[in-house]
Amino acid sequence: MKLVLMNKDQLVVTVKELPPTEKFKTYKADLYRDKQSEDKVRIERANCELALMRQSRFIGINGVVHHYHVSGPQDAEETMLLVHGWDC
């Protein structure tokens, strides 16, 4: 899917769905290894993070990859967008 948005200043923003990044896939594999650990805290943390990862999505906005989570009902009357962090 490719979506082109235009803001009030007529700036064109191109949004495109992307597959998970290599960094994300590597971290996910690490969590699956942690699930095989004998450390109960490590296993619990891995299970929680893997559950969150099921809601992960990736998009490119003007060529920059962004990772986000989808939470809540799809038919909600209002949507909240939280933007944070800088992965550098």
Protein backbone atom coordinates (compact mmCIF):
# COMPACT_ATOMS: atom_id res chain seq x y z
CA MET A 1 0.00 0.00 0.00
CA LYS A 2 1.25 3.46 -0.83
CA LEU A 3 -0.47 6.55 0.46
CA VAL A 4 0.34 10.12 -0.49
CA LEU A 5 -0.71 12.82 1.97
CA MET A 6 -0.54 16.54 1.47
CA ASN A 7 -0.40 19.03 4.34
CA LYS A 8 -1.66 22.63 4.37
CA ASP A 9 1.62 23.93 2.89
CA GLN A 10 1.20 21.58 -0.12
CA LEU A 11 4.17 19.48 1.01
CA VAL A 12 3.75 15.95 -0.34
CA VAL A 13 4.39 13.20 2.19
CA THR A 14 4.69 9.65 0.86
CA VAL A 15 3.82 6.85 3.29
CA LYS A 16 4.54 3.21 2.42
CA GLU A 17 4.12 0.01 4.46
CA LEU A 18 7.44 -1.82 4.94
CA PRO A 19 8.56 -5.22 6.21
CA PRO A 20 10.26 -5.44 9.64
CA THR A 21 13.82 -4.12 9.79
CA GLU A 22 16.81 -6.42 10.18
CA LYS A 23 17.42 -4.92 13.64
CA PHE A 24 13.87 -5.84 14.66
CA LYS A 25 14.20 -9.40 13.29
CA THR A 26 17.53 -9.89 15.08
CA TYR A 27 16.11 -8.68 18.40
CA LYS A 28 13.06 -10.93 17.96
CA ALA A 29 15.36 -13.93 17.40
CA ASP A 30 17.25 -12.98 20.58
CA LEU A 31 13.98 -12.98 22.51
CA TYR A 32 13.09 -16.45 21.21
CA ARG A 33 16.50 -17.63 22.47
CA ASP A 34 15.79 -16.00 25.83
CA LYS A 35 12.57 -18.04 26.06
CA GLN A 36 14.76 -21.16 26.11
CA SER A 37 16.71 -19.82 29.09
CA GLU A 38 16.38 -21.26 32.57
CA ASP A 39 16.14 -17.73 34.00
CA LYS A 40 12.45 -17.15 34.81
CA VAL A 41 12.78 -13.34 34.72
CA ARG A 42 14.41 -13.50 31.28
CA ILE A 43 11.66 -15.82 30.01
CA GLU A 44 8.89 -13.57 31.33
CA ARG A 45 10.46 -10.46 29.79
CA ALA A 46 10.87 -12.24 26.44
CA ASN A 47 7.23 -13.37 26.48
CA CYS A 48 6.00 -9.82 27.23
CA GLU A 49 8.12 -8.24 24.52
CA LEU A 50 7.17 -10.87 21.95
CA ALA A 51 3.49 -10.23 22.72
CA LEU A 52 4.03 -6.50 22.05
CA MET A 53 5.89 -7.28 18.83
CA ARG A 54 2.75 -8.87 17.39
CA GLN A 55 1.35 -5.32 17.20
CA SER A 56 4.46 -3.90 15.50
CA ARG A 57 4.22 -2.32 12.08
CA PHE A 58 6.73 -0.48 9.91
CA ILE A 59 6.21 2.37 7.49
CA GLY A 60 8.46 4.57 5.43
CA ILE A 61 7.68 8.27 5.43
CA ASN A 62 9.59 10.13 2.74
CA GLY A 63 12.23 7.39 2.84
CA VAL A 64 12.65 7.22 6.65
CA VAL A 65 11.63 3.96 8.37
CA HIS A 66 9.33 4.27 11.40
CA HIS A 67 8.29 1.49 13.80
CA TYR A 68 4.90 1.77 15.49
CA HIS A 69 2.40 -0.32 17.46
CA VAL A 70 -1.29 -0.68 16.75
CA SER A 71 -3.35 -0.90 19.94
CA GLY A 72 -7.02 -0.70 20.73
CA PRO A 73 -10.13 -1.15 18.63
CA GLN A 74 -9.87 -0.55 14.89
CA ASP A 75 -13.20 1.31 14.89
CA ALA A 76 -12.37 3.76 17.70
CA GLU A 77 -13.92 7.23 17.42
CA GLU A 78 -10.59 8.89 18.21
CA THR A 79 -6.99 7.99 17.47
CA MET A 80 -3.97 8.92 19.54
CA LEU A 81 -0.51 9.01 18.03
CA LEU A 82 2.48 8.96 20.37
CA VAL A 83 5.82 9.82 18.80
CA HIS A 84 8.97 9.31 20.81
CA GLY A 85 12.59 8.22 20.72
CA TRP A 86 15.36 8.53 18.23
CA ASP A 87 17.23 5.42 17.12
CA CYS A 88 20.68 6.68 16.25
